[in-house]
């Protein structure tokens, strides 16, 4: 769809030239399902995963009420 193509264009334009911060609660393994187009998902993940610094946060949510 159009959103997948737009996201791909943004990643393509910034790849290797600009820093891009992506925050997600969705594991990378689920991105294929969400993006929905395997070719676009491969292209996006190829540009993001292999040149990224990844931080996985662990522990209790700070939003959790006591």
PDB file of N, CA and C in Angstrom:
ATOM      1  N   UNK A   1       0.812  -1.189   0.000  1.00  0.00           N
ATOM      2  CA  UNK A   1       0.000   0.000   0.000  1.00  0.00           C
ATOM      3  C   UNK A   1       0.858   1.256   0.000  1.00  0.00           C
ATOM      4  N   UNK A   2       0.198   2.350   0.011  1.00  0.00           N
ATOM      5  CA  UNK A   2       0.881   3.647  -0.044  1.00  0.00           C
ATOM      6  C   UNK A   2       1.735   3.907   1.195  1.00  0.00           C
ATOM      7  N   UNK A   3       1.261   3.511   2.372  1.00  0.00           N
ATOM      8  CA  UNK A   3       2.037   3.741   3.594  1.00  0.00           C
ATOM      9  C   UNK A   3       3.359   2.975   3.574  1.00  0.00           C
ATOM     10  N   UNK A   4       3.320   1.740   3.086  1.00  0.00           N
ATOM     11  CA  UNK A   4       4.543   0.945   3.004  1.00  0.00           C
ATOM     12  C   UNK A   4       5.533   1.597   2.045  1.00  0.00           C
ATOM     13  N   UNK A   5       5.039   2.059   0.902  1.00  0.00           N
ATOM     14  CA  UNK A   5       5.906   2.734  -0.071  1.00  0.00           C
ATOM     15  C   UNK A   5       6.469   4.030   0.486  1.00  0.00           C
ATOM     16  N   UNK A   6       5.649   4.793   1.213  1.00  0.00           N
ATOM     17  CA  UNK A   6       6.120   6.047   1.817  1.00  0.00           C
ATOM     18  C   UNK A   6       7.218   5.783   2.839  1.00  0.00           C
ATOM     19  N   UNK A   7       7.010   4.765   3.699  1.00  0.00           N
ATOM     20  CA  UNK A   7       8.021   4.416   4.704  1.00  0.00           C
ATOM     21  C   UNK A   7       9.316   3.983   4.028  1.00  0.00           C
ATOM     22  N   UNK A   8       9.195   3.185   2.978  1.00  0.00           N
ATOM     23  CA  UNK A   8      10.376   2.739   2.236  1.00  0.00           C
ATOM     24  C   UNK A   8      11.130   3.926   1.648  1.00  0.00           C
ATOM     25  N   UNK A   9      10.414   4.894   1.082  1.00  0.00           N
ATOM     26  CA  UNK A   9      11.054   6.085   0.515  1.00  0.00           C
ATOM     27  C   UNK A   9      11.803   6.886   1.576  1.00  0.00           C
ATOM     28  N   UNK A  10      11.207   7.020   2.755  1.00  0.00           N
ATOM     29  CA  UNK A  10      11.862   7.754   3.843  1.00  0.00           C
ATOM     30  C   UNK A  10      13.156   7.047   4.248  1.00  0.00           C
ATOM     31  N   UNK A  11      13.082   5.745   4.447  1.00  0.00           N
ATOM     32  CA  UNK A  11      14.264   4.975   4.841  1.00  0.00           C
ATOM     33  C   UNK A  11      15.320   5.029   3.748  1.00  0.00           C
ATOM     34  N   UNK A  12      14.911   4.881   2.497  1.00  0.00           N
ATOM     35  CA  UNK A  12      15.839   4.922   1.364  1.00  0.00           C
ATOM     36  C   UNK A  12      16.540   6.281   1.273  1.00  0.00           C
ATOM     37  N   UNK A  13      15.786   7.360   1.435  1.00  0.00           N
ATOM     38  CA  UNK A  13      16.366   8.703   1.344  1.00  0.00           C
ATOM     39  C   UNK A  13      17.374   8.976   2.457  1.00  0.00           C
ATOM     40  N   UNK A  14      17.138   8.434   3.640  1.00  0.00           N
ATOM     41  CA  UNK A  14      17.989   8.718   4.794  1.00  0.00           C
ATOM     42  C   UNK A  14      19.138   7.725   4.954  1.00  0.00           C
ATOM     43  N   UNK A  15      19.017   6.546   4.353  1.00  0.00           N
ATOM     44  CA  UNK A  15      19.999   5.475   4.540  1.00  0.00           C
ATOM     45  C   UNK A  15      21.415   5.932   4.180  1.00  0.00           C
ATOM     46  N   UNK A  16      22.317   5.839   5.163  1.00  0.00           N
ATOM     47  CA  UNK A  16      23.715   6.188   4.949  1.00  0.00           C
ATOM     48  C   UNK A  16      23.999   7.678   4.945  1.00  0.00           C
ATOM     49  N   UNK A  17      22.975   8.505   5.085  1.00  0.00           N
ATOM     50  CA  UNK A  17      23.179   9.949   5.044  1.00  0.00           C
ATOM     51  C   UNK A  17      22.694  10.680   6.284  1.00  0.00           C
ATOM     52  N   UNK A  18      21.630  10.199   6.883  1.00  0.00           N
ATOM     53  CA  UNK A  18      21.031  10.872   8.032  1.00  0.00           C
ATOM     54  C   UNK A  18      20.727   9.860   9.122  1.00  0.00           C
ATOM     55  N   UNK A  19      20.754  10.321  10.349  1.00  0.00           N
ATOM     56  CA  UNK A  19      20.360   9.467  11.466  1.00  0.00           C
ATOM     57  C   UNK A  19      18.839   9.359  11.497  1.00  0.00           C
ATOM     58  N   UNK A  20      18.359   8.180  11.815  1.00  0.00           N
ATOM     59  CA  UNK A  20      16.919   7.947  11.919  1.00  0.00           C
ATOM     60  C   UNK A  20      16.671   7.172  13.204  1.00  0.00           C
ATOM     61  N   UNK A  21      15.781   7.683  14.021  1.00  0.00           N
ATOM     62  CA  UNK A  21      15.429   7.002  15.264  1.00  0.00           C
ATOM     63  C   UNK A  21      14.053   6.370  15.087  1.00  0.00           C
ATOM     64  N   UNK A  22      13.990   5.082  15.363  1.00  0.00           N
ATOM     65  CA  UNK A  22      12.722   4.361  15.291  1.00  0.00           C
ATOM     66  C   UNK A  22      12.485   3.740  16.661  1.00  0.00           C
ATOM     67  N   UNK A  23      11.363   4.077  17.257  1.00  0.00           N
ATOM     68  CA  UNK A  23      10.981   3.499  18.547  1.00  0.00           C
ATOM     69  C   UNK A  23       9.756   2.629  18.311  1.00  0.00           C
ATOM     70  N   UNK A  24       9.818   1.400  18.786  1.00  0.00           N
ATOM     71  CA  UNK A  24       8.720   0.473  18.541  1.00  0.00           C
ATOM     72  C   UNK A  24       8.626  -0.541  19.659  1.00  0.00           C
ATOM     73  N   UNK A  25       7.409  -0.936  19.952  1.00  0.00           N
ATOM     74  CA  UNK A  25       7.193  -2.038  20.879  1.00  0.00           C
ATOM     75  C   UNK A  25       7.047  -3.348  20.116  1.00  0.00           C
ATOM     76  N   UNK A  26       7.090  -3.274  18.800  1.00  0.00           N
ATOM     77  CA  UNK A  26       6.916  -4.431  17.937  1.00  0.00           C
ATOM     78  C   UNK A  26       8.261  -5.076  17.646  1.00  0.00           C
ATOM     79  N   UNK A  27       8.427  -6.365  17.941  1.00  0.00           N
ATOM     80  CA  UNK A  27       9.692  -7.037  17.635  1.00  0.00           C
ATOM     81  C   UNK A  27       9.951  -7.028  16.126  1.00  0.00           C
ATOM     82  N   UNK A  28      11.217  -6.951  15.748  1.00  0.00           N
ATOM     83  CA  UNK A  28      11.595  -6.928  14.335  1.00  0.00           C
ATOM     84  C   UNK A  28      11.005  -8.125  13.593  1.00  0.00           C
ATOM     85  N   UNK A  29      10.923  -9.261  14.247  1.00  0.00           N
ATOM     86  CA  UNK A  29      10.383 -10.461  13.601  1.00  0.00           C
ATOM     87  C   UNK A  29       8.925 -10.293  13.168  1.00  0.00           C
ATOM     88  N   UNK A  30       8.205  -9.371  13.744  1.00  0.00           N
ATOM     89  CA  UNK A  30       6.798  -9.136  13.405  1.00  0.00           C
ATOM     90  C   UNK A  30       6.623  -8.063  12.327  1.00  0.00           C
ATOM     91  N   UNK A  31       7.693  -7.382  11.931  1.00  0.00           N
ATOM     92  CA  UNK A  31       7.580  -6.299  10.958  1.00  0.00           C
ATOM     93  C   UNK A  31       7.067  -6.799   9.611  1.00  0.00           C
ATOM     94  N   UNK A  32       7.444  -8.010   9.224  1.00  0.00           N
ATOM     95  CA  UNK A  32       6.960  -8.554   7.944  1.00  0.00           C
ATOM     96  C   UNK A  32       5.432  -8.620   7.931  1.00  0.00           C
ATOM     97  N   UNK A  33       4.854  -9.079   9.028  1.00  0.00           N
ATOM     98  CA  UNK A  33       3.397  -9.179   9.106  1.00  0.00           C
ATOM     99  C   UNK A  33       2.742  -7.803   9.041  1.00  0.00           C
ATOM    100  N   UNK A  34       3.323  -6.840   9.726  1.00  0.00           N
ATOM    101  CA  UNK A  34       2.733  -5.504   9.779  1.00  0.00           C
ATOM    102  C   UNK A  34       2.911  -4.767   8.450  1.00  0.00           C
ATOM    103  N   UNK A  35       4.087  -4.855   7.858  1.00  0.00           N
ATOM    104  CA  UNK A  35       4.330  -4.177   6.578  1.00  0.00           C
ATOM    105  C   UNK A  35       3.489  -4.826   5.485  1.00  0.00           C
ATOM    106  N   UNK A  36       3.381  -6.141   5.511  1.00  0.00           N
ATOM    107  CA  UNK A  36       2.475  -6.827   4.610  1.00  0.00           C
ATOM    108  C   UNK A  36       3.020  -7.155   3.231  1.00  0.00           C
ATOM    109  N   UNK A  37       4.067  -6.501   2.795  1.00  0.00           N
ATOM    110  CA  UNK A  37       4.669  -6.765   1.496  1.00  0.00           C
ATOM    111  C   UNK A  37       6.091  -7.230   1.749  1.00  0.00           C
ATOM    112  N   UNK A  38       6.365  -8.495   1.453  1.00  0.00           N
ATOM    113  CA  UNK A  38       7.662  -9.086   1.803  1.00  0.00           C
ATOM    114  C   UNK A  38       8.841  -8.388   1.129  1.00  0.00           C
ATOM    115  N   UNK A  39       8.677  -7.962  -0.112  1.00  0.00           N
ATOM    116  CA  UNK A  39       9.761  -7.286  -0.835  1.00  0.00           C
ATOM    117  C   UNK A  39      10.088  -5.947  -0.182  1.00  0.00           C
ATOM    118  N   UNK A  40       9.062  -5.180   0.144  1.00  0.00           N
ATOM    119  CA  UNK A  40       9.278  -3.887   0.799  1.00  0.00           C
ATOM    120  C   UNK A  40       9.836  -4.096   2.198  1.00  0.00           C
ATOM    121  N   UNK A  41       9.303  -5.062   2.932  1.00  0.00           N
ATOM    122  CA  UNK A  41       9.798  -5.353   4.281  1.00  0.00           C
ATOM    123  C   UNK A  41      11.275  -5.733   4.242  1.00  0.00           C
ATOM    124  N   UNK A  42      11.665  -6.582   3.292  1.00  0.00           N
ATOM    125  CA  UNK A  42      13.083  -6.955   3.144  1.00  0.00           C
ATOM    126  C   UNK A  42      13.957  -5.729   2.896  1.00  0.00           C
ATOM    127  N   UNK A  43      13.517  -4.860   2.008  1.00  0.00           N
ATOM    128  CA  UNK A  43      14.291  -3.672   1.673  1.00  0.00           C
ATOM    129  C   UNK A  43      14.430  -2.740   2.880  1.00  0.00           C
ATOM    130  N   UNK A  44      13.336  -2.518   3.587  1.00  0.00           N
ATOM    131  CA  UNK A  44      13.368  -1.646   4.766  1.00  0.00           C
ATOM    132  C   UNK A  44      14.274  -2.242   5.836  1.00  0.00           C
ATOM    133  N   UNK A  45      14.056  -3.506   6.169  1.00  0.00           N
ATOM    134  CA  UNK A  45      14.835  -4.137   7.237  1.00  0.00           C
ATOM    135  C   UNK A  45      16.314  -4.266   6.866  1.00  0.00           C
ATOM    136  N   UNK A  46      16.611  -4.487   5.601  1.00  0.00           N
ATOM    137  CA  UNK A  46      18.001  -4.557   5.167  1.00  0.00           C
ATOM    138  C   UNK A  46      18.718  -3.243   5.458  1.00  0.00           C
ATOM    139  N   UNK A  47      18.058  -2.137   5.219  1.00  0.00           N
ATOM    140  CA  UNK A  47      18.667  -0.823   5.444  1.00  0.00           C
ATOM    141  C   UNK A  47      18.719  -0.455   6.925  1.00  0.00           C
ATOM    142  N   UNK A  48      17.756  -0.933   7.698  1.00  0.00           N
ATOM    143  CA  UNK A  48      17.698  -0.562   9.122  1.00  0.00           C
ATOM    144  C   UNK A  48      18.555  -1.482   9.988  1.00  0.00           C
ATOM    145  N   UNK A  49      18.357  -2.769   9.889  1.00  0.00           N
ATOM    146  CA  UNK A  49      18.929  -3.729  10.839  1.00  0.00           C
ATOM    147  C   UNK A  49      20.454  -3.809  10.754  1.00  0.00           C
ATOM    148  N   UNK A  50      21.010  -3.791   9.566  1.00  0.00           N
ATOM    149  CA  UNK A  50      22.441  -4.034   9.416  1.00  0.00           C
ATOM    150  C   UNK A  50      23.322  -2.832   9.748  1.00  0.00           C
ATOM    151  N   UNK A  51      22.719  -1.666   9.889  1.00  0.00           N
ATOM    152  CA  UNK A  51      23.535  -0.479  10.189  1.00  0.00           C
ATOM    153  C   UNK A  51      23.001   0.270  11.409  1.00  0.00           C
ATOM    154  N   UNK A  52      22.326  -0.453  12.289  1.00  0.00           N
ATOM    155  CA  UNK A  52      21.692   0.228  13.417  1.00  0.00           C
ATOM    156  C   UNK A  52      22.372  -0.082  14.745  1.00  0.00           C
ATOM    157  N   UNK A  53      22.070   0.769  15.701  1.00  0.00           N
ATOM    158  CA  UNK A  53      22.413   0.533  17.096  1.00  0.00           C
ATOM    159  C   UNK A  53      21.075   0.262  17.771  1.00  0.00           C
ATOM    160  N   UNK A  54      20.968  -0.882  18.377  1.00  0.00           N
ATOM    161  CA  UNK A  54      19.686  -1.304  18.927  1.00  0.00           C
ATOM    162  C   UNK A  54      19.742  -1.345  20.442  1.00  0.00           C
ATOM    163  N   UNK A  55      18.695  -0.818  21.055  1.00  0.00           N
ATOM    164  CA  UNK A  55      18.567  -0.824  22.500  1.00  0.00           C
ATOM    165  C   UNK A  55      17.274  -1.545  22.847  1.00  0.00           C
ATOM    166  N   UNK A  56      17.379  -2.637  23.568  1.00  0.00           N
ATOM    167  CA  UNK A  56      16.201  -3.357  24.042  1.00  0.00           C
ATOM    168  C   UNK A  56      16.013  -3.020  25.511  1.00  0.00           C
ATOM    169  N   UNK A  57      14.907  -2.387  25.827  1.00  0.00           N
ATOM    170  CA  UNK A  57      14.628  -2.012  27.203  1.00  0.00           C
ATOM    171  C   UNK A  57      13.919  -3.160  27.903  1.00  0.00           C
ATOM    172  N   UNK A  58      14.290  -3.402  29.122  1.00  0.00           N
ATOM    173  CA  UNK A  58      13.710  -4.491  29.892  1.00  0.00           C
ATOM    174  C   UNK A  58      13.230  -3.944  31.237  1.00  0.00           C
ATOM    175  N   UNK A  59      12.378  -4.697  31.864  1.00  0.00           N
ATOM    176  CA  UNK A  59      11.920  -4.315  33.190  1.00  0.00           C
ATOM    177  C   UNK A  59      10.477  -3.866  33.192  1.00  0.00           C
ATOM    178  N   UNK A  60      10.038  -3.449  34.359  1.00  0.00           N
ATOM    179  CA  UNK A  60       8.657  -3.010  34.538  1.00  0.00           C
ATOM    180  C   UNK A  60       8.401  -1.703  33.805  1.00  0.00           C
ATOM    181  N   UNK A  61       7.182  -1.546  33.358  1.00  0.00           N
ATOM    182  CA  UNK A  61       6.768  -0.306  32.710  1.00  0.00           C
ATOM    183  C   UNK A  61       6.748   0.813  33.739  1.00  0.00           C
ATOM    184  N   UNK A  62       7.215   1.972  33.332  1.00  0.00           N
ATOM    185  CA  UNK A  62       7.154   3.136  34.218  1.00  0.00           C
ATOM    186  C   UNK A  62       5.728   3.656  34.329  1.00  0.00           C
ATOM    187  N   UNK A  63       4.864   3.238  33.437  1.00  0.00           N
ATOM    188  CA  UNK A  63       3.462   3.648  33.465  1.00  0.00           C
ATOM    189  C   UNK A  63       2.632   2.800  34.419  1.00  0.00           C
ATOM    190  N   UNK A  64       3.209   1.689  34.861  1.00  0.00           N
ATOM    191  CA  UNK A  64       2.470   0.777  35.733  1.00  0.00           C
ATOM    192  C   UNK A  64       2.144   1.461  37.054  1.00  0.00           C
ATOM    193  N   UNK A  65       0.890   1.421  37.422  1.00  0.00           N
ATOM    194  CA  UNK A  65       0.467   2.054  38.671  1.00  0.00           C
ATOM    195  C   UNK A  65       0.716   1.095  39.833  1.00  0.00           C
ATOM    196  N   UNK A  66       1.174   1.644  40.919  1.00  0.00           N
ATOM    197  CA  UNK A  66       1.445   0.829  42.119  1.00  0.00           C
ATOM    198  C   UNK A  66       0.198   0.632  42.946  1.00  0.00           C
TER     199      UNK A  66
END
